[in-house]
N, C-alpha and C. Protein backbone atom coordinates (compact mmCIF):
# COMPACT_ATOMS: atom_id res chain seq x y z
N MET A 1 88.20 110.00 96.70
CA MET A 1 89.23 110.68 96.83
C MET A 1 90.38 110.94 96.35
N ASP A 2 90.48 112.00 95.75
CA ASP A 2 92.21 112.05 95.04
C ASP A 2 93.52 110.94 95.97
N PRO A 3 94.37 110.94 95.39
CA PRO A 3 95.79 110.35 95.88
C PRO A 3 96.49 111.31 96.96
N ASP A 4 96.66 112.63 96.39
CA ASP A 4 97.06 113.07 97.75
C ASP A 4 96.43 113.37 99.05
N ALA A 5 95.51 113.82 99.08
CA ALA A 5 94.07 113.82 100.08
C ALA A 5 94.27 112.25 101.02
N ARG A 6 94.23 111.41 100.07
CA ARG A 6 94.59 109.70 100.64
C ARG A 6 96.02 110.01 101.79
N THR A 7 97.11 110.44 100.91
CA THR A 7 98.00 110.53 101.43
C THR A 7 98.19 111.54 103.10
N ARG A 8 97.45 113.24 102.79
CA ARG A 8 97.47 114.05 103.46
C ARG A 8 96.99 113.15 105.22
N ALA A 9 95.92 112.53 104.44
CA ALA A 9 94.68 111.89 105.55
C ALA A 9 95.58 110.92 106.77
N ALA A 10 96.41 109.55 105.43
CA ALA A 10 97.69 109.45 106.26
C ALA A 10 98.32 109.50 107.27
N LEU A 11 99.14 110.77 106.26
CA LEU A 11 100.62 111.28 107.79
C LEU A 11 99.40 111.75 108.55
N GLU A 12 98.10 112.83 108.65
CA GLU A 12 97.56 113.33 110.14
C GLU A 12 96.83 111.92 110.68
N GLU A 13 97.20 110.72 110.41
CA GLU A 13 96.95 109.95 111.43
C GLU A 13 97.85 109.22 111.69
N HIS A 14 99.02 109.41 110.82
CA HIS A 14 100.50 108.80 111.72
C HIS A 14 100.61 109.69 112.32
N TRP A 15 100.54 110.77 112.66
CA TRP A 15 100.94 111.90 113.59
C TRP A 15 99.84 111.85 114.96
N ARG A 16 98.75 111.85 114.83
CA ARG A 16 97.87 111.31 115.69
C ARG A 16 97.69 110.44 116.49
N ALA A 17 98.46 109.38 115.77
CA ALA A 17 98.75 107.65 116.29
C ALA A 17 100.28 108.39 117.03
N SER A 18 101.29 108.71 116.50
CA SER A 18 102.19 109.00 117.43
C SER A 18 101.92 109.73 118.61
N GLU A 19 100.86 110.71 119.05
CA GLU A 19 100.74 111.24 120.36
C GLU A 19 100.07 110.45 120.89
N ARG A 20 99.10 109.59 120.30
CA ARG A 20 98.39 108.88 121.37
C ARG A 20 99.28 107.56 122.00
N GLY A 21 100.64 107.43 121.20
CA GLY A 21 101.92 106.31 121.87
C GLY A 21 101.14 105.05 121.11
N ASP A 22 100.39 104.65 120.15
CA ASP A 22 99.69 103.76 119.24
C ASP A 22 100.77 103.31 118.35
N THR A 23 102.21 102.29 118.84
CA THR A 23 103.00 102.21 117.90
C THR A 23 102.66 101.59 116.48
N GLU A 24 101.26 100.38 116.57
CA GLU A 24 100.85 100.09 115.36
C GLU A 24 100.48 100.38 114.11
N ALA A 25 99.69 101.09 114.52
CA ALA A 25 98.65 102.05 113.92
C ALA A 25 100.05 103.62 113.43
N GLU A 26 100.95 103.91 114.29
CA GLU A 26 102.02 105.34 113.61
C GLU A 26 103.06 104.32 112.42
N HIS A 27 103.24 103.19 113.01
CA HIS A 27 103.76 102.88 111.69
C HIS A 27 103.34 101.95 110.46
N ALA A 28 101.95 102.17 110.45
CA ALA A 28 100.79 101.56 109.19
C ALA A 28 101.61 102.07 108.19
N ILE A 29 102.12 103.52 108.13
CA ILE A 29 101.94 104.57 106.86
C ILE A 29 103.53 103.81 106.17
N TYR A 30 104.10 102.94 106.79
CA TYR A 30 105.65 102.94 106.38
C TYR A 30 105.69 101.43 105.69
N ALA A 31 105.89 101.37 104.38
CA ALA A 31 106.79 99.90 103.38
C ALA A 31 107.61 99.27 104.65
N ALA A 32 107.20 98.14 104.64
CA ALA A 32 107.74 96.57 104.97
C ALA A 32 109.33 97.49 105.24
N ASP A 33 109.65 97.13 103.87
CA ASP A 33 111.53 97.56 103.45
C ASP A 33 111.86 99.22 103.71
N ALA A 34 111.36 100.27 104.50
CA ALA A 34 111.01 101.37 104.59
C ALA A 34 112.11 101.55 105.15
N ILE A 35 112.77 103.33 105.19
CA ILE A 35 114.41 103.68 105.75
C ILE A 35 113.78 105.13 106.19
N LEU A 36 114.56 105.15 107.45
CA LEU A 36 114.61 106.10 108.36
C LEU A 36 115.90 106.59 108.47
N ASP A 37 116.39 107.58 108.15
CA ASP A 37 117.62 108.54 108.11
C ASP A 37 117.66 109.53 109.10
N TYR A 38 118.80 109.16 110.25
CA TYR A 38 118.66 110.79 111.13
C TYR A 38 119.86 111.10 111.06
N PRO A 39 119.78 112.18 109.88
CA PRO A 39 121.45 112.75 109.74
C PRO A 39 122.26 113.35 110.28
N GLN A 40 121.89 114.00 111.56
CA GLN A 40 122.17 114.62 112.62
C GLN A 40 123.44 113.74 113.45
N SER A 41 122.60 112.26 113.37
CA SER A 41 123.31 111.64 114.42
C SER A 41 124.19 110.21 113.62
N GLY A 42 123.78 110.41 111.96
CA GLY A 42 124.09 109.29 111.29
C GLY A 42 123.54 107.75 110.75
N GLU A 43 122.71 108.22 111.90
CA GLU A 43 122.29 106.59 111.95
C GLU A 43 120.96 106.60 110.84
N ARG A 44 120.63 105.09 110.25
CA ARG A 44 119.69 104.64 109.45
C ARG A 44 119.29 103.14 109.79
N PHE A 45 117.57 103.28 109.67
CA PHE A 45 117.08 102.18 110.54
C PHE A 45 116.06 101.86 109.27
N ARG A 46 116.67 100.26 109.05
CA ARG A 46 116.13 99.72 107.95
C ARG A 46 115.01 98.86 107.84
N GLY A 47 113.52 98.82 107.44
CA GLY A 47 112.42 98.32 107.78
C GLY A 47 111.62 98.44 108.88
N ARG A 48 110.34 98.45 108.28
CA ARG A 48 109.73 98.90 109.22
C ARG A 48 109.72 98.41 110.53
N ALA A 49 109.72 97.68 111.08
CA ALA A 49 109.62 96.46 112.50
C ALA A 49 110.99 97.33 112.90
N THR A 50 112.30 97.68 112.63
CA THR A 50 113.64 98.55 112.93
C THR A 50 112.43 99.70 113.39
N ILE A 51 112.40 100.67 112.31
CA ILE A 51 112.10 101.93 112.79
C ILE A 51 111.14 102.03 113.75
N SER A 52 109.80 100.90 114.07
CA SER A 52 108.76 100.82 115.32
C SER A 52 109.62 100.04 116.40
N ALA A 53 110.16 99.66 116.62
CA ALA A 53 111.32 99.10 117.86
C ALA A 53 112.35 100.21 118.07
N GLN A 54 113.02 100.81 117.21
CA GLN A 54 113.60 101.86 117.56
C GLN A 54 112.57 103.20 118.52
N ARG A 55 111.51 103.30 117.82
CA ARG A 55 110.85 104.20 118.21
C ARG A 55 109.94 103.85 120.00
N GLY A 56 109.57 102.70 119.35
CA GLY A 56 108.91 102.64 120.79
C GLY A 56 109.86 101.94 121.79
N GLY A 57 111.18 102.05 121.64
CA GLY A 57 112.14 101.50 123.25
C GLY A 57 112.76 102.89 123.35
N HIS A 58 111.81 104.33 122.66
CA HIS A 58 112.81 106.12 123.07
C HIS A 58 111.82 105.33 124.87
N PRO A 59 113.10 106.32 125.82
CA PRO A 59 112.83 106.29 127.13
C PRO A 59 111.53 107.59 127.72
N ALA A 60 112.00 108.52 127.03
CA ALA A 60 111.29 109.76 126.91
C ALA A 60 109.48 109.29 126.95
N ARG A 61 108.54 110.44 127.93
CA ARG A 61 107.74 110.70 127.38
C ARG A 61 107.72 111.64 126.45
N ARG A 62 106.94 111.17 125.08
CA ARG A 62 106.57 111.97 124.12
C ARG A 62 105.58 112.29 123.62
N HIS A 63 105.35 113.83 123.16
CA HIS A 63 104.35 114.56 122.86
C HIS A 63 104.73 115.68 121.48
N PHE A 64 103.12 114.88 120.70
CA PHE A 64 103.55 115.57 119.33
C PHE A 64 102.75 116.28 118.87
N THR A 65 103.18 117.72 118.25
CA THR A 65 102.27 118.48 117.83
C THR A 65 102.82 118.96 116.26
N VAL A 66 101.62 119.12 115.57
CA VAL A 66 101.94 119.56 114.69
C VAL A 66 101.29 120.54 113.69
N ARG A 67 102.73 121.15 113.26
CA ARG A 67 102.60 122.60 112.91
C ARG A 67 102.47 122.79 111.62
N ARG A 68 102.80 121.87 110.33
CA ARG A 68 102.27 121.79 109.53
C ARG A 68 102.29 120.88 108.36
N ILE A 69 101.62 120.14 107.48
CA ILE A 69 102.28 119.04 106.69
C ILE A 69 102.11 120.14 105.26
N THR A 70 102.40 119.37 104.21
CA THR A 70 102.99 120.51 102.99
C THR A 70 103.16 119.30 101.84
N GLY A 71 102.90 118.87 100.58
CA GLY A 71 103.19 118.47 100.02
C GLY A 71 102.32 117.83 98.70
N GLY A 72 102.75 116.68 98.07
CA GLY A 72 102.03 116.13 96.79
C GLY A 72 102.69 115.14 96.20
N GLY A 73 102.18 114.66 95.55
CA GLY A 73 102.43 113.37 94.86
C GLY A 73 103.08 112.29 95.68
N GLY A 74 104.66 111.61 95.55
CA GLY A 74 105.62 111.13 96.47
C GLY A 74 106.31 111.82 97.24
N LEU A 75 106.33 113.16 97.46
CA LEU A 75 107.26 113.99 98.52
C LEU A 75 105.86 115.26 99.83
N TRP A 76 106.76 114.12 100.80
CA TRP A 76 105.51 115.45 102.13
C TRP A 76 106.73 115.59 102.72
N VAL A 77 106.31 116.93 103.42
CA VAL A 77 107.00 117.28 104.60
C VAL A 77 106.02 117.86 105.31
N SER A 78 106.49 117.25 106.88
CA SER A 78 106.00 117.31 108.17
C SER A 78 107.18 118.30 109.06
N GLU A 79 106.02 119.45 109.88
CA GLU A 79 107.35 120.58 110.52
C GLU A 79 106.21 120.61 111.44
N CYS A 80 106.86 119.60 112.39
CA CYS A 80 106.51 119.17 114.76
C CYS A 80 107.37 119.73 115.61
N VAL A 81 106.76 119.82 116.76
CA VAL A 81 107.75 119.94 117.67
C VAL A 81 107.37 118.42 118.31
N ILE A 82 108.25 118.04 118.80
CA ILE A 82 108.64 116.70 119.38
C ILE A 82 108.77 116.99 120.50
N THR A 83 108.01 116.81 121.80
CA THR A 83 108.29 116.99 123.26
C THR A 83 108.69 115.93 124.17
N TYR A 84 110.20 115.91 123.87
CA TYR A 84 110.34 114.95 125.01
C TYR A 84 110.80 115.15 126.85
N ASP A 85 109.69 114.54 127.49
CA ASP A 85 110.39 114.75 128.71
C ASP A 85 110.13 116.35 128.69
N ASP A 86 109.25 116.79 128.19
CA ASP A 86 109.41 118.18 128.71
C ASP A 86 109.87 119.02 127.88
N ALA A 87 110.64 118.95 127.23
CA ALA A 87 111.70 119.43 126.54
C ALA A 87 111.24 119.42 124.68
N PRO A 88 110.99 120.95 124.52
CA PRO A 88 110.32 120.83 123.39
C PRO A 88 111.66 120.53 122.24
N SER A 89 111.63 119.73 120.79
CA SER A 89 112.21 119.50 119.81
C SER A 89 112.02 120.10 118.41
N HIS A 90 112.42 121.00 117.47
CA HIS A 90 111.66 121.22 116.55
C HIS A 90 112.58 119.88 115.21
N SER A 91 111.28 119.65 115.17
CA SER A 91 111.45 118.33 113.91
C SER A 91 111.00 118.76 112.44
N VAL A 92 111.31 118.64 111.32
CA VAL A 92 111.00 118.37 110.00
C VAL A 92 111.55 116.89 109.16
N SER A 93 110.08 116.27 109.46
CA SER A 93 110.21 115.08 108.41
C SER A 93 109.76 114.77 106.96
N ILE A 94 110.75 114.22 105.89
CA ILE A 94 110.32 114.62 104.61
C ILE A 94 110.30 113.33 103.98
N MET A 95 109.34 112.59 103.72
CA MET A 95 108.77 111.58 103.41
C MET A 95 108.36 111.23 102.02
N GLU A 96 109.02 110.57 101.42
CA GLU A 96 109.11 109.89 99.89
C GLU A 96 107.99 108.21 100.01
N PHE A 97 107.45 108.82 98.94
CA PHE A 97 105.58 107.84 98.81
C PHE A 97 106.01 107.04 97.94
N ALA A 98 105.83 106.15 97.30
CA ALA A 98 105.48 104.81 96.35
C ALA A 98 104.31 103.47 96.90
N GLY A 99 103.88 103.49 96.06
CA GLY A 99 102.93 102.61 96.51
C GLY A 99 102.00 102.77 97.57
N GLY A 100 101.37 104.11 98.26
CA GLY A 100 100.69 104.48 98.85
C GLY A 100 101.62 104.61 100.49
N ARG A 101 102.80 104.54 100.53
CA ARG A 101 103.36 103.72 102.05
C ARG A 101 104.83 104.76 101.28
N VAL A 102 105.27 105.09 103.13
CA VAL A 102 106.30 105.90 102.49
C VAL A 102 108.10 104.93 102.13
N VAL A 103 108.48 104.80 101.80
CA VAL A 103 109.30 104.36 101.73
C VAL A 103 110.81 104.50 101.89
N HIS A 104 110.55 105.84 102.06
CA HIS A 104 112.31 106.53 102.94
C HIS A 104 111.79 108.11 103.79
N GLU A 105 112.50 108.04 104.90
CA GLU A 105 112.15 109.03 105.50
C GLU A 105 113.60 109.94 106.00
N THR A 106 113.59 111.13 106.21
CA THR A 106 114.97 111.57 106.43
C THR A 106 114.10 112.64 107.50
N GLN A 107 114.66 112.55 108.74
CA GLN A 107 114.09 113.31 109.99
C GLN A 107 115.34 114.22 111.09
N TYR A 108 114.75 115.57 110.96
CA TYR A 108 115.83 116.68 110.99
C TYR A 108 114.91 116.79 112.37
N PHE A 109 116.52 117.11 113.24
CA PHE A 109 115.78 118.16 114.62
C PHE A 109 116.35 118.96 115.00
N ALA A 110 116.11 120.42 115.58
CA ALA A 110 116.90 121.55 116.42
C ALA A 110 116.13 121.87 117.82
N ASP A 111 117.20 122.20 118.18
CA ASP A 111 116.96 122.71 119.98
C ASP A 111 116.17 124.09 119.51
N ALA A 112 114.65 124.47 120.26
CA ALA A 112 114.61 126.14 120.39
C ALA A 112 116.32 126.75 120.66
N PHE A 113 115.97 128.10 120.15
CA PHE A 113 116.67 129.32 120.45
C PHE A 113 116.37 130.70 120.99
N GLY A 114 116.83 131.28 121.47
CA GLY A 114 116.00 132.85 122.17
C GLY A 114 116.75 133.16 120.42
N ALA A 115 115.48 134.58 120.64
CA ALA A 115 115.75 135.73 119.82
C ALA A 115 116.79 136.62 120.17
N PRO A 116 118.05 136.88 119.27
CA PRO A 116 119.07 137.91 119.77
C PRO A 116 117.88 139.48 120.08
N GLU A 117 118.40 139.95 120.49
CA GLU A 117 118.04 141.76 120.45
C GLU A 117 117.68 142.67 119.60
N TRP A 118 119.14 142.34 118.78
CA TRP A 118 119.16 143.16 117.96
C TRP A 118 117.99 142.93 116.84
N ARG A 119 117.46 142.13 116.45
CA ARG A 119 116.40 141.66 115.84
C ARG A 119 115.07 142.26 115.70
N ALA A 120 114.53 142.52 117.20
CA ALA A 120 113.83 142.49 117.97
C ALA A 120 112.94 143.89 116.98
N ALA A 121 113.54 144.59 116.65
CA ALA A 121 113.07 146.21 115.70
C ALA A 121 112.11 144.97 114.57
N LEU A 122 113.18 143.87 113.77
CA LEU A 122 112.78 143.30 112.89
C LEU A 122 111.67 142.52 113.12
N ALA A 123 111.49 142.04 114.15
CA ALA A 123 110.13 140.28 113.74
C ALA A 123 108.83 140.52 114.52
N GLU A 124 108.19 139.91 114.09
CA GLU A 124 106.79 139.86 114.56
C GLU A 124 106.66 138.28 114.92
N PRO A 125 105.93 138.07 115.88
CA PRO A 125 105.76 136.55 116.98
C PRO A 125 104.91 135.52 115.35
N MET A 126 105.57 134.39 114.96
CA MET A 126 104.76 133.35 114.53
C MET A 126 103.55 133.29 115.23
N PRO A 127 101.99 132.97 114.39
CA PRO A 127 101.15 132.81 114.86
C PRO A 127 100.88 131.46 115.87
N GLY A 128 100.09 131.94 117.01
CA GLY A 128 100.33 131.33 118.50
C GLY A 128 101.49 130.98 119.26
N ARG A 129 102.55 132.09 118.48
CA ARG A 129 103.55 131.81 119.40
C ARG A 129 104.21 133.06 119.96
N ASN A 130 105.06 133.47 121.39
CA ASN A 130 105.51 134.37 121.51
C ASN A 130 106.90 134.16 121.05
N ILE A 131 107.69 135.27 121.09
CA ILE A 131 109.14 135.52 120.92
C ILE A 131 109.90 135.65 122.43
N THR A 132 110.91 134.65 122.34
CA THR A 132 111.80 134.16 123.71
C THR A 132 112.90 135.16 123.17
N GLY A 133 113.75 135.37 124.53
CA GLY A 133 114.70 135.93 124.50
C GLY A 133 115.82 135.42 124.34
N ALA A 134 117.03 135.92 123.88
CA ALA A 134 118.51 135.13 123.95
C ALA A 134 118.76 134.46 125.52
């Protein structure tokens, strides 16, 4: 298996493990000294154990839907919807790899918003989605 196929398979397993709540498998993708940044809150988490602890301590029920994984070499992007207690949050996860492990992840979150009426004639629904009004 080529390196990009191995990385994609590892990412797919990471998100499947996240969905099933398997903390050990979810965090196996990270290097021991990995860094996770949340730019919107200004937080940085250093080390696989710390990253795992902050996610494992989340009080909400979480559900993960992967929309797309793209990348190559040392840089990969996952677009997901992470649902916390039935409230969806759109997420973009940018992962930098070295030695087959994530060494740096930056994760952005955004709430859903309704489409304004003035764009209705220009837009079409994304595949598998419905357009919601503002």
